[in-house]
Amino acid sequence: MNVFLNWLLMILPFALWGTSMAAMSPLVSSGGPELVASLRLLPAGILVLITTYFFKRDLRIYKCDLKWFLVFTFVDATCFQLFLTYGISKTGAGLGSVLIDSQPLLVAVLARAIFGNLINPIGWLGLLFGLGGIIFLGFPQEFLENWWLMSDTNLSDIQFNIGEIWMLAAALSMAIGTILIKLTCTKSDPVAVTGWHMVFGSLPLLTKYSLTANSHFIPDWSIYEWGLMAFTSIFGGALAYGLFFYFANNKEITGFSTLAFLTPVFALLSGGIWLNERLTFIQWVGVGFVFISVFFVSQRKLIWELNNTE
């Protein structure tokens, strides 16, 4: 039972992130990227800190962790949320989620380089499938047809979606943040670090929004839209990030981070149901590649050992 509950809690952040992508999509259109990003971070960070205090965990950021904490806050909170919301404004929740969850591929490479986490041939094969999936998902169909000599369209005439570039930038920010959490929590509590980095990371976003906002500083959202924002902040922010960085600091980082490939499942389902989003055939091929990737990378040790014992 404890093993089942542990796995459920490990998967929960990615389920909440997937549904939050669909919830944020209409909010970004009406409220703007900076506002949605800051409203996702600030209330969630305060809630995480209150919970940390309630459970009598250490709220301090120790001096030895302060330098990495500042870097972690800027990269994982400010940059990630800004890139994410800009990306959502240009792509759908489902496609955007798959693109942003290319971050486990980057985490695996960074963890190998920095922490020496092993990636055997099965893992590398999985990473190649993941890279292929991102190419199928992120590149315009006309570009892929040109590459495979199925179209005579000139490359100069092909329009790339800037939103997909924002999403890949968000993926890189999150991957670096996943690595930085281990460097930031040598003595500080990872849950407290999560809360503080969300609070301080929201301040540049609020400042940017206040400088560009018109006379309507508070968006004219309906109760339903404020409910979506609350869900995104409380569940897709506080709960999801608290669990994610707790497990990222305590689990084998490459294997755990590959669970992020489950996020698009929930994003595609919720985006299809609520927002009527649909992927093309080539994009579905990319989704298939991504799921093969997460299987190979997460089970690389087991598959390799079974292969060598036969």
Protein backbone atom coordinates (compact mmCIF):
# COMPACT_ATOMS: atom_id res chain seq x y z
CA MET A 1 0.00 0.00 0.00
CA ASN A 2 2.83 2.38 0.88
CA VAL A 3 4.54 1.61 -2.44
CA PHE A 4 1.30 2.31 -4.34
CA LEU A 5 0.75 5.58 -2.44
CA ASN A 6 4.35 6.62 -3.11
CA TRP A 7 3.94 6.06 -6.85
CA LEU A 8 0.61 7.88 -6.81
CA LEU A 9 2.22 10.90 -5.15
CA MET A 10 5.10 10.80 -7.63
CA ILE A 11 2.71 10.83 -10.60
CA LEU A 12 0.35 13.44 -9.11
CA PRO A 13 2.46 16.55 -9.96
CA PHE A 14 2.49 15.64 -13.63
CA ALA A 15 -1.27 15.03 -13.69
CA LEU A 16 -1.86 18.41 -12.07
CA TRP A 17 0.53 20.15 -14.47
CA GLY A 18 -1.19 18.59 -17.47
CA THR A 19 -4.66 19.76 -16.45
CA SER A 20 -3.27 23.15 -15.40
CA MET A 21 -1.99 23.70 -18.93
CA ALA A 22 -5.55 23.48 -20.23
CA ALA A 23 -6.80 25.70 -17.39
CA MET A 24 -4.21 28.41 -18.08
CA SER A 25 -4.77 28.60 -21.83
CA PRO A 26 -7.90 30.81 -21.78
CA LEU A 27 -6.55 32.86 -18.84
CA VAL A 28 -3.39 33.84 -20.71
CA SER A 29 -5.51 35.09 -23.62
CA SER A 30 -7.53 37.43 -21.40
CA GLY A 31 -5.12 38.32 -18.60
CA GLY A 32 -1.71 38.21 -20.27
CA PRO A 33 1.31 35.95 -19.69
CA GLU A 34 2.96 37.96 -16.90
CA LEU A 35 -0.19 38.20 -14.78
CA VAL A 36 -1.06 34.51 -15.07
CA ALA A 37 2.54 33.50 -14.34
CA SER A 38 2.73 35.71 -11.24
CA LEU A 39 -0.71 34.64 -9.97
CA ARG A 40 0.34 31.04 -10.36
CA LEU A 41 3.54 31.56 -8.38
CA LEU A 42 2.84 34.03 -5.57
CA PRO A 43 -0.27 32.50 -3.89
CA ALA A 44 1.16 29.01 -4.38
CA GLY A 45 4.46 29.98 -2.79
CA ILE A 46 2.73 31.54 0.22
CA LEU A 47 0.60 28.40 0.63
CA VAL A 48 3.68 26.16 0.48
CA LEU A 49 5.41 28.25 3.15
CA ILE A 50 2.33 28.16 5.42
CA THR A 51 2.17 24.39 5.02
CA THR A 52 5.90 24.12 5.73
CA TYR A 53 5.45 26.11 8.94
CA PHE A 54 2.36 24.09 9.92
CA PHE A 55 4.30 20.82 9.65
CA LYS A 56 7.16 22.36 11.65
CA ARG A 57 9.69 22.06 8.83
CA ASP A 58 12.67 24.40 8.65
CA LEU A 59 11.76 27.59 6.76
CA ARG A 60 15.28 28.99 6.56
CA ILE A 61 17.39 29.30 3.44
CA TYR A 62 20.88 28.70 4.78
CA LYS A 63 23.74 30.92 3.77
CA CYS A 64 25.60 28.04 2.13
CA ASP A 65 22.62 27.54 -0.23
CA LEU A 66 21.83 31.20 -0.89
CA LYS A 67 23.90 31.62 -4.07
CA TRP A 68 22.33 28.62 -5.79
CA PHE A 69 18.91 29.56 -4.44
CA LEU A 70 19.02 32.90 -6.27
CA VAL A 71 20.02 31.20 -9.52
CA PHE A 72 17.36 28.51 -9.01
CA THR A 73 14.69 31.14 -8.35
CA PHE A 74 15.47 33.14 -11.47
CA VAL A 75 15.74 30.12 -13.78
CA ASP A 76 13.01 27.82 -12.48
CA ALA A 77 10.42 30.34 -11.28
CA THR A 78 10.76 33.61 -13.20
CA CYS A 79 12.10 32.36 -16.54
CA PHE A 80 10.20 29.08 -16.61
CA GLN A 81 6.79 30.56 -15.84
CA LEU A 82 7.31 33.47 -18.24
CA PHE A 83 8.39 31.19 -21.09
CA LEU A 84 5.55 28.78 -20.28
CA THR A 85 2.80 31.39 -20.39
CA TYR A 86 4.21 32.99 -23.55
CA GLY A 87 4.29 29.55 -25.11
CA ILE A 88 0.72 28.74 -24.09
CA SER A 89 -0.45 31.94 -25.76
CA LYS A 90 0.88 30.63 -29.10
CA THR A 91 0.33 26.86 -28.84
CA GLY A 92 -2.39 24.59 -27.50
CA ALA A 93 -2.26 23.03 -24.04
CA GLY A 94 -1.69 19.51 -25.38
CA LEU A 95 1.07 20.28 -27.88
CA GLY A 96 2.66 22.80 -25.52
CA SER A 97 2.73 20.26 -22.72
CA VAL A 98 4.43 17.63 -24.86
CA LEU A 99 7.05 20.15 -25.96
CA ILE A 100 7.76 21.40 -22.48
CA ASP A 101 8.09 17.87 -21.20
CA SER A 102 11.09 17.32 -23.37
CA GLN A 103 12.89 18.47 -20.21
CA PRO A 104 13.55 14.89 -18.94
CA LEU A 105 15.80 14.39 -21.97
CA LEU A 106 17.80 17.45 -20.92
CA VAL A 107 17.74 16.39 -17.25
CA ALA A 108 19.16 12.97 -18.14
CA VAL A 109 22.09 14.50 -20.02
CA LEU A 110 22.75 17.16 -17.36
CA ALA A 111 22.48 14.62 -14.52
CA ARG A 112 24.94 12.36 -16.35
CA ALA A 113 27.39 15.24 -16.78
CA ILE A 114 27.04 16.74 -13.29
CA PHE A 115 26.09 13.90 -10.93
CA GLY A 116 27.34 10.91 -12.91
CA ASN A 117 23.89 9.27 -13.18
CA LEU A 118 24.20 6.22 -15.38
CA ILE A 119 22.55 6.12 -18.80
CA ASN A 120 23.05 2.68 -20.34
CA PRO A 121 22.44 1.91 -24.06
CA ILE A 122 18.72 1.35 -23.40
CA GLY A 123 18.50 4.79 -21.81
CA TRP A 124 20.30 6.42 -24.73
CA LEU A 125 17.93 4.66 -27.13
CA GLY A 126 15.02 6.11 -25.13
CA LEU A 127 16.53 9.58 -25.30
CA LEU A 128 16.82 9.27 -29.09
CA PHE A 129 13.13 8.31 -29.30
CA GLY A 130 12.32 11.33 -27.15
CA LEU A 131 14.33 13.61 -29.39
CA GLY A 132 12.53 12.20 -32.42
CA GLY A 133 9.20 12.80 -30.74
CA ILE A 134 10.04 16.42 -30.06
CA ILE A 135 11.06 16.90 -33.70
CA PHE A 136 7.76 15.43 -34.93
CA LEU A 137 5.84 17.60 -32.49
CA GLY A 138 7.75 20.85 -32.69
CA PHE A 139 8.67 21.21 -36.34
CA PRO A 140 6.12 22.36 -38.94
CA GLN A 141 4.65 19.57 -41.04
CA GLU A 142 5.86 21.32 -44.21
CA PHE A 143 9.46 21.22 -42.89
CA LEU A 144 9.27 17.49 -42.17
CA GLU A 145 7.79 16.80 -45.59
CA ASN A 146 10.58 18.82 -47.21
CA TRP A 147 13.22 16.95 -45.20
CA TRP A 148 11.87 13.57 -46.34
CA LEU A 149 11.59 14.81 -49.98
CA MET A 150 7.80 14.52 -49.86
CA SER A 151 7.25 18.18 -50.70
CA ASP A 152 8.84 20.80 -52.93
CA THR A 153 8.00 23.63 -50.50
CA ASN A 154 10.90 26.05 -50.09
CA LEU A 155 12.33 26.18 -46.58
CA SER A 156 12.15 29.97 -46.70
CA ASP A 157 8.36 29.73 -47.07
CA ILE A 158 7.90 27.57 -43.97
CA GLN A 159 6.59 29.39 -40.90
CA PHE A 160 7.84 28.17 -37.52
CA ASN A 161 5.59 28.67 -34.51
CA ILE A 162 7.29 31.01 -32.02
CA GLY A 163 5.18 29.45 -29.26
CA GLU A 164 6.96 26.13 -29.73
CA ILE A 165 10.30 27.90 -29.28
CA TRP A 166 9.01 29.47 -26.04
CA MET A 167 7.94 26.02 -24.83
CA LEU A 168 11.34 24.50 -25.57
CA ALA A 169 12.97 27.41 -23.70
CA ALA A 170 10.66 26.63 -20.77
CA ALA A 171 11.70 22.98 -20.96
CA LEU A 172 15.36 23.99 -20.76
CA SER A 173 14.64 26.25 -17.76
CA MET A 174 12.80 23.47 -15.95
CA ALA A 175 15.56 20.95 -16.70
CA ILE A 176 18.20 23.28 -15.27
CA GLY A 177 15.93 23.96 -12.29
CA THR A 178 15.56 20.22 -11.63
CA ILE A 179 19.34 19.94 -11.46
CA LEU A 180 19.74 23.10 -9.37
CA ILE A 181 17.36 21.88 -6.63
CA LYS A 182 19.98 19.36 -5.52
CA LEU A 183 22.65 22.06 -5.38
CA THR A 184 20.30 24.42 -3.53
CA CYS A 185 19.24 21.96 -0.82
CA THR A 186 22.53 20.90 0.70
CA LYS A 187 21.18 22.08 4.08
CA SER A 188 17.91 23.91 3.34
CA ASP A 189 14.59 22.05 3.30
CA PRO A 190 13.48 21.38 -0.34
CA VAL A 191 9.83 22.18 0.42
CA ALA A 192 10.77 25.52 2.00
CA VAL A 193 13.07 26.27 -0.94
CA THR A 194 10.16 25.55 -3.29
CA GLY A 195 7.90 28.00 -1.47
CA TRP A 196 10.44 30.80 -1.22
CA HIS A 197 11.54 30.46 -4.84
CA MET A 198 7.93 30.77 -6.00
CA VAL A 199 7.35 33.90 -3.90
CA PHE A 200 10.56 35.69 -4.93
CA GLY A 201 10.33 34.42 -8.52
CA SER A 202 6.92 36.05 -8.92
CA LEU A 203 8.16 39.55 -8.02
CA PRO A 204 9.90 40.34 -11.36
CA LEU A 205 6.80 39.09 -13.19
CA LEU A 206 4.50 41.30 -11.11
CA THR A 207 6.82 44.26 -11.69
CA LYS A 208 6.84 43.69 -15.45
CA TYR A 209 3.05 43.35 -15.50
CA SER A 210 2.52 46.52 -13.44
CA LEU A 211 4.70 48.52 -15.82
CA THR A 212 2.78 47.37 -18.89
CA ALA A 213 -0.76 46.99 -17.50
CA ASN A 214 -3.46 49.43 -18.50
CA SER A 215 -5.95 50.99 -16.10
CA HIS A 216 -7.49 47.54 -15.42
CA PHE A 217 -4.76 46.11 -13.20
CA ILE A 218 -7.06 43.30 -12.02
CA PRO A 219 -8.53 41.34 -14.95
CA ASP A 220 -12.29 41.27 -15.40
CA TRP A 221 -12.57 37.50 -15.01
CA SER A 222 -15.72 35.56 -14.27
CA ILE A 223 -16.06 33.36 -11.17
CA TYR A 224 -15.32 30.36 -13.39
CA GLU A 225 -12.10 31.96 -14.67
CA TRP A 226 -10.98 32.85 -11.16
CA GLY A 227 -11.71 29.23 -10.24
CA LEU A 228 -9.40 28.08 -13.04
CA MET A 229 -6.73 30.45 -11.74
CA ALA A 230 -7.17 29.12 -8.20
CA PHE A 231 -6.87 25.52 -9.44
CA THR A 232 -3.74 26.41 -11.42
CA SER A 233 -2.12 28.12 -8.44
CA ILE A 234 -3.13 25.82 -5.58
CA PHE A 235 -3.05 22.41 -7.23
CA GLY A 236 -0.94 23.03 -10.36
CA GLY A 237 1.40 25.27 -8.38
CA ALA A 238 1.68 24.70 -4.62
CA LEU A 239 0.87 20.98 -4.44
CA ALA A 240 2.49 19.95 -7.72
CA TYR A 241 5.75 21.87 -7.22
CA GLY A 242 6.03 20.92 -3.56
CA LEU A 243 5.76 17.22 -4.41
CA PHE A 244 7.97 17.49 -7.49
CA PHE A 245 10.94 19.14 -5.83
CA TYR A 246 10.60 16.94 -2.75
CA PHE A 247 10.92 13.81 -4.90
CA ALA A 248 13.52 15.41 -7.23
CA ASN A 249 15.73 16.00 -4.20
CA ASN A 250 15.21 12.51 -2.76
CA LYS A 251 14.90 10.20 -5.78
CA GLU A 252 17.20 9.17 -8.62
CA ILE A 253 16.74 12.29 -10.69
CA THR A 254 16.88 10.86 -14.23
CA GLY A 255 14.29 8.14 -13.64
CA PHE A 256 11.96 10.40 -11.66
CA SER A 257 12.10 13.27 -14.15
CA THR A 258 11.04 10.99 -17.00
CA LEU A 259 7.63 10.70 -15.33
CA ALA A 260 7.11 14.21 -16.71
CA PHE A 261 6.33 12.51 -20.03
CA LEU A 262 3.01 11.53 -18.42
CA THR A 263 2.00 15.20 -18.25
CA PRO A 264 0.98 15.38 -21.93
CA VAL A 265 -1.45 12.50 -21.40
CA PHE A 266 -3.47 14.62 -19.01
CA ALA A 267 -2.91 17.81 -21.04
CA LEU A 268 -4.07 16.17 -24.26
CA LEU A 269 -7.14 14.70 -22.57
CA SER A 270 -8.13 17.92 -20.82
CA GLY A 271 -7.26 20.08 -23.85
CA GLY A 272 -9.32 17.85 -26.11
CA ILE A 273 -12.30 17.78 -23.77
CA TRP A 274 -12.35 21.42 -22.60
CA LEU A 275 -10.67 23.31 -25.45
CA ASN A 276 -11.47 21.05 -28.42
CA GLU A 277 -7.78 20.86 -29.36
CA ARG A 278 -6.70 18.26 -31.92
CA LEU A 279 -3.26 17.05 -33.02
CA THR A 280 -2.26 16.15 -36.55
CA PHE A 281 -1.25 12.61 -37.54
CA ILE A 282 2.45 13.50 -37.51
CA GLN A 283 2.09 15.03 -34.04
CA TRP A 284 0.45 11.83 -32.78
CA VAL A 285 3.46 9.93 -34.14
CA GLY A 286 5.60 12.26 -32.05
CA VAL A 287 3.47 11.53 -28.98
CA GLY A 288 4.04 7.81 -29.56
CA PHE A 289 7.79 8.36 -29.76
CA VAL A 290 7.69 10.31 -26.50
CA PHE A 291 5.86 7.51 -24.68
CA ILE A 292 8.34 4.93 -25.98
CA SER A 293 11.08 7.21 -24.71
CA VAL A 294 9.73 7.42 -21.18
CA PHE A 295 9.38 3.64 -21.03
CA PHE A 296 12.96 3.00 -22.13
CA VAL A 297 14.52 5.70 -19.94
CA SER A 298 12.52 4.90 -16.80
CA GLN A 299 13.01 1.12 -17.16
CA ARG A 300 16.51 1.22 -18.64
CA LYS A 301 18.16 -0.54 -15.70
CA LEU A 302 15.66 -3.40 -15.57
CA ILE A 303 15.67 -3.95 -19.36
CA TRP A 304 19.48 -3.87 -19.50
CA GLU A 305 19.85 -6.35 -16.64
CA LEU A 306 17.27 -8.74 -18.18
CA ASN A 307 19.08 -8.55 -21.52
CA ASN A 308 22.45 -9.33 -19.93
CA THR A 309 21.18 -12.28 -17.87
CA GLU A 310 19.71 -14.14 -20.86
